[in-house]
Amino acid sequence: MPSAVDVSLPELDVVIPIAPKDAGEVGLCLDSVLRHCRNPVRAVHVVSRFPVTAADERVRWLDETSIEPGIGEIRDALRAAGSPHPNASWYFQQLLKLRCFDLLDADAPDHVLVVDADIAFVADVSFVDHDGRARLPMGYPLRWVNGTRAAAPLRHSALSAAARLVPGWRPVDHFSGMQHHMVFERVVSAELTRRVEQAHGVPFWRAFLATSESSKWTGASEYVLYRHFACLLFLERVAMRHLSAVEVIQSTAAGGFTLADVLDAPRPADVRAVGCHRFLDYAERIATMDYISDDLRRELPPDTPLKLSLLRGELSVAPALAPLVLQ
């Protein structure tokens, strides 16, 4: 058992969904979770279209093609809602995270840490505290303005989608909860599902897709939805925190940076996680992210990899240039 583990902390399971574009990065992500998670990890469920094996016996492969609804059903539902974007696989992963407890066996703990496959933790982190509270990332500000801790969003498609999905849902502050990982708790997830299905009269996944903003590539966010729902209705069960991180976002085009490049780059001492994300339809996604301020958008060269620094809740965005320096 890694030295980072504190056996007095609550146990959890881990779920890591892997898109084909991230297949080469998952080993670094998986190793970082097992090395730096201070909570005891019962099992790590790696979800992908291809088999994944690891020396650690806790790592289990879950065949993506066995999960329902599948990408085909999701694609049909998005088309019916008027979406012109080829983003069914992106929504598939969101729904997988939101219903992670449905995928696990009956012995699974009450907390599940979901981690995107293209990030890595670089320091020891606890995700559920000694009082059983899930430690939720406050994440990126709801409005991206350089050098600002938090600014009220003029518009944010994920906020609008969540408000349509859950009666009474509202943001509790100006931070999104989007930071490529989330601790889901069984009782919170069950109540979220119950309220949505009661309000819409259809399965949760259909309501989630129907209330997303179809004109946007990123028309909803599982992390925004869950974090603010939990903090609004289950505040005694969560502990909010800023987790300092530096990440690169870029196109899926050949070349560019890798997660290994980001791990090797000089970085501030208090950074706890790094990421390297390859976005499908990168230019279109950046163009339709309504939380990027107009001033910041004018500063950013089109189609250029970007470096996002989120240090103690303060965001800065700049072009990511080689040789990569994260300071």
Protein backbone atom coordinates (compact mmCIF):
# COMPACT_ATOMS: atom_id res chain seq x y z
CA MET A 1 0.00 0.00 0.00
CA PRO A 2 1.47 3.40 -0.96
CA SER A 3 2.81 5.52 1.88
CA ALA A 4 0.33 8.29 1.03
CA VAL A 5 -2.61 6.22 2.29
CA ASP A 6 -4.20 7.13 5.62
CA VAL A 7 -6.19 4.06 6.70
CA SER A 8 -8.21 6.19 9.13
CA LEU A 9 -9.83 8.00 6.20
CA PRO A 10 -13.00 6.61 4.53
CA GLU A 11 -12.53 4.12 1.71
CA LEU A 12 -13.59 4.97 -1.83
CA ASP A 13 -13.75 3.55 -5.33
CA VAL A 14 -12.27 5.29 -8.36
CA VAL A 15 -13.75 5.48 -11.87
CA ILE A 16 -11.59 6.59 -14.83
CA PRO A 17 -13.38 6.86 -18.19
CA ILE A 18 -11.03 6.70 -21.18
CA ALA A 19 -11.82 8.16 -24.58
CA PRO A 20 -9.76 6.70 -27.46
CA LYS A 21 -7.85 9.99 -27.79
CA ASP A 22 -6.63 9.59 -24.19
CA ALA A 23 -5.55 5.95 -24.39
CA GLY A 24 -1.87 6.85 -24.27
CA GLU A 25 -2.23 8.94 -21.12
CA VAL A 26 -4.20 6.65 -18.82
CA GLY A 27 -1.17 4.90 -17.34
CA LEU A 28 0.16 8.18 -15.96
CA CYS A 29 -3.28 9.09 -14.62
CA LEU A 30 -3.81 5.68 -13.02
CA ASP A 31 -0.37 5.61 -11.42
CA SER A 32 -0.89 9.10 -9.99
CA VAL A 33 -4.20 8.17 -8.37
CA LEU A 34 -2.77 5.04 -6.76
CA ARG A 35 0.34 6.92 -5.64
CA HIS A 36 -1.25 10.09 -4.29
CA CYS A 37 -4.78 9.26 -3.09
CA ARG A 38 -4.68 9.40 0.73
CA ASN A 39 -8.02 7.61 1.07
CA PRO A 40 -7.85 3.81 0.88
CA VAL A 41 -8.87 2.72 -2.62
CA ARG A 42 -10.98 -0.44 -2.77
CA ALA A 43 -11.07 -0.65 -6.57
CA VAL A 44 -10.25 1.39 -9.68
CA HIS A 45 -12.73 0.90 -12.53
CA VAL A 46 -11.22 1.82 -15.89
CA VAL A 47 -13.97 2.30 -18.48
CA SER A 48 -12.96 2.00 -22.13
CA ARG A 49 -13.66 0.28 -25.45
CA PHE A 50 -10.42 -1.68 -25.19
CA PRO A 51 -9.17 -3.97 -22.39
CA VAL A 52 -6.92 -2.35 -19.79
CA THR A 53 -4.66 -4.35 -17.48
CA ALA A 54 -2.44 -3.27 -14.61
CA ALA A 55 -0.17 -4.92 -12.09
CA ASP A 56 -2.28 -3.62 -9.20
CA GLU A 57 -5.06 -6.14 -8.54
CA ARG A 58 -7.48 -3.36 -7.60
CA VAL A 59 -7.64 -2.18 -11.22
CA ARG A 60 -10.71 -3.53 -13.04
CA TRP A 61 -11.69 -3.04 -16.65
CA LEU A 62 -15.29 -2.15 -17.48
CA ASP A 63 -16.23 -2.59 -21.14
CA GLU A 64 -17.70 0.68 -22.39
CA THR A 65 -19.84 -1.13 -24.96
CA SER A 66 -21.77 -2.89 -22.18
CA ILE A 67 -23.01 0.41 -20.69
CA GLU A 68 -26.48 1.72 -21.46
CA PRO A 69 -27.42 4.11 -22.86
CA GLY A 70 -24.70 3.63 -25.43
CA ILE A 71 -23.20 6.27 -27.66
CA GLY A 72 -25.65 5.43 -30.47
CA GLU A 73 -28.71 6.05 -28.28
CA ILE A 74 -27.20 9.26 -26.99
CA ARG A 75 -26.43 10.43 -30.53
CA ASP A 76 -30.07 9.82 -31.53
CA ALA A 77 -31.36 11.72 -28.49
CA LEU A 78 -29.07 14.69 -29.19
CA ARG A 79 -30.17 14.84 -32.80
CA ALA A 80 -33.79 14.78 -31.67
CA ALA A 81 -33.00 17.75 -29.40
CA GLY A 82 -31.59 19.64 -32.39
CA SER A 83 -27.85 19.34 -31.71
CA PRO A 84 -25.67 19.77 -34.81
CA HIS A 85 -22.47 18.70 -33.01
CA PRO A 86 -20.69 15.30 -33.13
CA ASN A 87 -20.40 15.20 -29.33
CA ALA A 88 -22.27 12.03 -28.34
CA SER A 89 -19.15 10.44 -26.85
CA TRP A 90 -18.58 13.56 -24.72
CA TYR A 91 -22.11 13.32 -23.29
CA PHE A 92 -21.69 9.55 -22.84
CA GLN A 93 -18.82 10.20 -20.42
CA GLN A 94 -20.82 12.83 -18.55
CA LEU A 95 -23.72 10.45 -18.03
CA LEU A 96 -21.35 7.65 -17.04
CA LYS A 97 -19.97 9.83 -14.25
CA LEU A 98 -23.37 10.99 -13.04
CA ARG A 99 -24.63 7.40 -12.77
CA CYS A 100 -21.35 5.85 -11.62
CA PHE A 101 -23.02 3.97 -8.72
CA ASP A 102 -25.19 2.06 -11.22
CA LEU A 103 -22.03 0.63 -12.79
CA LEU A 104 -20.46 -0.76 -9.59
CA ASP A 105 -21.12 -3.84 -7.50
CA ALA A 106 -23.17 -3.88 -4.32
CA ASP A 107 -20.03 -3.74 -2.13
CA ALA A 108 -18.90 -0.38 -3.53
CA PRO A 109 -18.28 2.35 -0.92
CA ASP A 110 -20.57 5.35 -0.61
CA HIS A 111 -18.03 7.66 -2.28
CA VAL A 112 -16.66 7.38 -5.81
CA LEU A 113 -13.80 9.53 -7.08
CA VAL A 114 -14.22 10.11 -10.82
CA VAL A 115 -11.04 11.21 -12.58
CA ASP A 116 -10.66 12.23 -16.22
CA ALA A 117 -7.96 10.13 -17.89
CA ASP A 118 -5.92 13.12 -19.08
CA ILE A 119 -4.93 14.53 -15.68
CA ALA A 120 -2.40 13.39 -13.07
CA PHE A 121 -2.04 14.22 -9.39
CA VAL A 122 1.45 15.33 -8.41
CA ALA A 123 1.04 15.53 -4.63
CA ASP A 124 -0.84 13.61 -1.96
CA VAL A 125 -4.54 14.51 -1.82
CA SER A 126 -7.44 13.33 0.35
CA PHE A 127 -10.89 13.21 -1.24
CA VAL A 128 -13.14 12.31 1.71
CA ASP A 129 -12.28 13.69 5.14
CA HIS A 130 -12.39 12.02 8.56
CA ASP A 131 -15.96 13.28 9.06
CA GLY A 132 -17.09 11.54 5.87
CA ARG A 133 -17.42 14.77 3.91
CA ALA A 134 -16.63 14.66 0.19
CA ARG A 135 -13.95 17.23 -0.66
CA LEU A 136 -15.31 18.90 -3.79
CA PRO A 137 -13.17 21.02 -6.09
CA MET A 138 -14.44 24.56 -6.53
CA GLY A 139 -12.83 24.46 -9.96
CA TYR A 140 -12.56 27.12 -12.60
CA PRO A 141 -14.42 30.43 -12.20
CA LEU A 142 -17.76 30.58 -13.96
CA ARG A 143 -16.38 33.47 -15.99
CA TRP A 144 -12.85 33.36 -17.32
CA VAL A 145 -11.07 36.66 -16.74
CA ASN A 146 -7.29 36.75 -16.42
CA GLY A 147 -6.02 37.35 -12.91
CA THR A 148 -9.46 37.16 -11.27
CA ARG A 149 -10.50 34.74 -8.54
CA ALA A 150 -14.19 34.90 -9.37
CA ALA A 151 -16.42 37.00 -11.60
CA ALA A 152 -20.16 36.67 -12.09
CA PRO A 153 -20.91 35.03 -15.45
CA LEU A 154 -22.78 37.06 -18.01
CA ARG A 155 -23.99 33.77 -19.43
CA HIS A 156 -23.06 30.15 -18.92
CA SER A 157 -24.74 27.35 -20.86
CA ALA A 158 -24.08 24.75 -18.13
CA LEU A 159 -25.89 26.90 -15.56
CA SER A 160 -28.91 27.28 -17.83
CA ALA A 161 -28.99 23.55 -18.58
CA ALA A 162 -28.80 22.58 -14.90
CA ALA A 163 -31.58 25.01 -13.96
CA ARG A 164 -33.81 23.48 -16.64
CA LEU A 165 -32.98 19.98 -15.46
CA VAL A 166 -33.47 20.31 -11.69
CA PRO A 167 -36.29 22.42 -10.21
CA GLY A 168 -34.85 24.90 -7.73
CA TRP A 169 -31.23 24.32 -8.79
CA ARG A 170 -28.99 27.38 -8.62
CA PRO A 171 -25.26 28.09 -8.32
CA VAL A 172 -24.03 28.66 -4.77
CA ASP A 173 -21.03 30.82 -5.80
CA HIS A 174 -19.04 31.95 -8.84
CA PHE A 175 -16.93 28.79 -9.20
CA SER A 176 -17.95 26.02 -11.59
CA GLY A 177 -16.75 22.78 -10.01
CA MET A 178 -15.14 21.88 -13.36
CA GLN A 179 -11.63 20.58 -12.68
CA HIS A 180 -11.53 17.13 -14.29
CA HIS A 181 -12.35 15.18 -11.14
CA MET A 182 -15.24 14.94 -8.71
CA VAL A 183 -16.19 12.97 -5.59
CA PHE A 184 -19.70 11.59 -6.02
CA GLU A 185 -21.66 10.38 -2.99
CA ARG A 186 -24.34 7.71 -3.23
CA VAL A 187 -27.08 9.54 -1.31
CA VAL A 188 -26.53 12.81 -3.22
CA SER A 189 -26.54 11.09 -6.61
CA ALA A 190 -29.72 9.19 -5.74
CA GLU A 191 -31.54 12.36 -4.73
CA LEU A 192 -30.40 14.17 -7.87
CA THR A 193 -31.75 11.33 -10.01
CA ARG A 194 -35.02 11.18 -8.07
CA ARG A 195 -35.72 14.89 -8.46
CA VAL A 196 -34.92 14.92 -12.16
CA GLU A 197 -37.03 11.87 -13.01
CA GLN A 198 -39.92 13.12 -10.89
CA ALA A 199 -39.83 16.52 -12.62
CA HIS A 200 -39.48 15.27 -16.21
CA GLY A 201 -41.18 11.87 -16.18
CA VAL A 202 -38.42 10.24 -18.21
CA PRO A 203 -35.16 8.46 -17.32
CA PHE A 204 -32.45 10.76 -15.98
CA TRP A 205 -30.24 10.45 -19.05
CA ARG A 206 -33.00 11.50 -21.43
CA ALA A 207 -33.85 14.54 -19.30
CA PHE A 208 -30.16 15.50 -19.07
CA LEU A 209 -29.77 15.48 -22.85
CA ALA A 210 -33.12 17.16 -23.54
CA THR A 211 -32.30 20.10 -21.26
CA SER A 212 -28.75 20.63 -22.55
CA GLU A 213 -28.15 23.64 -24.76
CA SER A 214 -28.06 22.01 -28.17
CA SER A 215 -26.53 25.00 -29.98
CA LYS A 216 -23.35 24.71 -27.88
CA TRP A 217 -20.68 22.03 -28.21
CA THR A 218 -20.46 22.08 -24.42
CA GLY A 219 -24.16 22.50 -23.69
CA ALA A 220 -24.18 21.00 -20.17
CA SER A 221 -21.70 20.00 -17.48
CA GLU A 222 -21.92 17.08 -15.08
CA TYR A 223 -19.44 18.75 -12.72
CA VAL A 224 -21.32 22.07 -12.59
CA LEU A 225 -24.61 20.24 -12.06
CA TYR A 226 -23.40 17.93 -9.30
CA ARG A 227 -21.15 20.28 -7.35
CA HIS A 228 -23.75 23.04 -6.94
CA PHE A 229 -26.56 20.54 -6.25
CA ALA A 230 -24.51 18.94 -3.48
CA CYS A 231 -23.48 22.29 -1.98
CA LEU A 232 -27.04 23.63 -2.14
CA LEU A 233 -28.88 20.68 -0.59
CA PHE A 234 -26.21 18.60 1.19
CA LEU A 235 -23.84 21.22 2.55
CA GLU A 236 -23.19 19.19 5.71
CA ARG A 237 -21.90 16.30 3.59
CA VAL A 238 -19.35 18.23 1.53
CA ALA A 239 -16.20 20.29 2.08
CA MET A 240 -15.31 22.76 -0.68
CA ARG A 241 -11.71 23.52 -1.59
CA HIS A 242 -9.47 25.11 -4.17
CA LEU A 243 -7.03 22.59 -5.64
CA SER A 244 -4.18 24.35 -7.41
CA ALA A 245 -3.54 22.93 -10.87
CA VAL A 246 -1.99 23.78 -14.23
CA GLU A 247 -3.34 22.33 -17.47
CA VAL A 248 -2.89 22.55 -21.22
CA ILE A 249 -5.82 22.45 -23.63
CA GLN A 250 -5.29 21.91 -27.35
CA SER A 251 -6.62 20.31 -30.51
CA THR A 252 -6.55 16.58 -31.21
CA ALA A 253 -4.40 17.33 -34.28
CA ALA A 254 -1.06 15.53 -34.52
CA GLY A 255 1.77 16.93 -32.46
CA GLY A 256 1.19 19.19 -29.52
CA PHE A 257 1.91 18.48 -25.88
CA THR A 258 1.47 15.22 -23.96
CA LEU A 259 0.63 14.61 -20.32
CA ALA A 260 4.25 13.50 -19.84
CA ASP A 261 5.40 16.89 -21.18
CA VAL A 262 3.20 18.67 -18.66
CA LEU A 263 4.41 16.44 -15.82
CA ASP A 264 8.03 17.21 -16.70
CA ALA A 265 7.59 20.98 -17.03
CA PRO A 266 8.62 23.34 -14.20
CA ARG A 267 5.58 24.24 -12.10
CA PRO A 268 4.67 26.18 -8.93
CA ALA A 269 5.35 24.33 -5.69
CA ASP A 270 1.73 24.28 -4.49
CA VAL A 271 0.29 22.63 -7.62
CA ARG A 272 -1.53 19.39 -6.78
CA ALA A 273 -2.62 18.28 -10.27
CA VAL A 274 -1.70 18.79 -13.91
CA GLY A 275 -3.59 18.03 -17.08
CA CYS A 276 -3.16 17.83 -20.83
CA HIS A 277 -6.41 17.81 -22.78
CA ARG A 278 -7.00 17.21 -26.47
CA PHE A 279 -10.36 18.59 -27.57
CA LEU A 280 -12.31 17.40 -30.58
CA ASP A 281 -13.41 20.39 -32.70
CA TYR A 282 -11.10 22.53 -30.59
CA ALA A 283 -11.63 25.86 -32.36
CA GLU A 284 -15.40 25.45 -32.37
CA ARG A 285 -15.47 24.49 -28.70
CA ILE A 286 -13.40 27.51 -27.71
CA ALA A 287 -15.59 29.75 -29.85
CA THR A 288 -18.81 28.52 -28.20
CA MET A 289 -17.57 28.58 -24.58
CA ASP A 290 -19.66 31.51 -23.41
CA TYR A 291 -17.85 31.71 -20.07
CA ILE A 292 -14.68 33.05 -21.76
CA SER A 293 -14.86 36.85 -21.46
CA ASP A 294 -14.72 38.88 -24.67
CA ASP A 295 -11.54 40.63 -23.51
CA LEU A 296 -9.79 37.33 -22.87
CA ARG A 297 -10.97 35.85 -26.15
CA ARG A 298 -9.44 38.78 -28.05
CA GLU A 299 -6.11 38.14 -26.31
CA LEU A 300 -5.91 34.46 -27.32
CA PRO A 301 -4.50 33.43 -30.71
CA PRO A 302 -6.96 31.15 -32.56
CA ASP A 303 -6.25 27.40 -32.68
CA THR A 304 -3.31 27.74 -30.28
CA PRO A 305 -2.73 25.43 -27.28
CA LEU A 306 -3.53 27.26 -24.05
CA LYS A 307 -2.04 27.03 -20.58
CA LEU A 308 -4.59 27.34 -17.76
CA SER A 309 -3.18 28.10 -14.33
CA LEU A 310 -5.60 27.82 -11.43
CA LEU A 311 -3.66 28.74 -8.30
CA ARG A 312 -5.61 29.10 -5.05
CA GLY A 313 -8.71 29.90 -7.09
CA GLU A 314 -7.12 32.56 -9.31
CA LEU A 315 -7.20 31.84 -13.03
CA SER A 316 -4.71 32.91 -15.68
CA VAL A 317 -4.82 31.87 -19.34
CA ALA A 318 -1.96 32.21 -21.83
CA PRO A 319 -0.67 30.49 -24.99
CA ALA A 320 1.19 27.26 -24.23
CA LEU A 321 4.59 27.52 -25.90
CA ALA A 322 7.55 25.16 -26.18
CA PRO A 323 9.61 24.67 -24.14
CA LEU A 324 6.70 24.32 -21.74
CA VAL A 325 7.00 26.21 -18.45
CA LEU A 326 4.07 26.16 -16.04
CA GLN A 327 5.32 28.84 -13.65
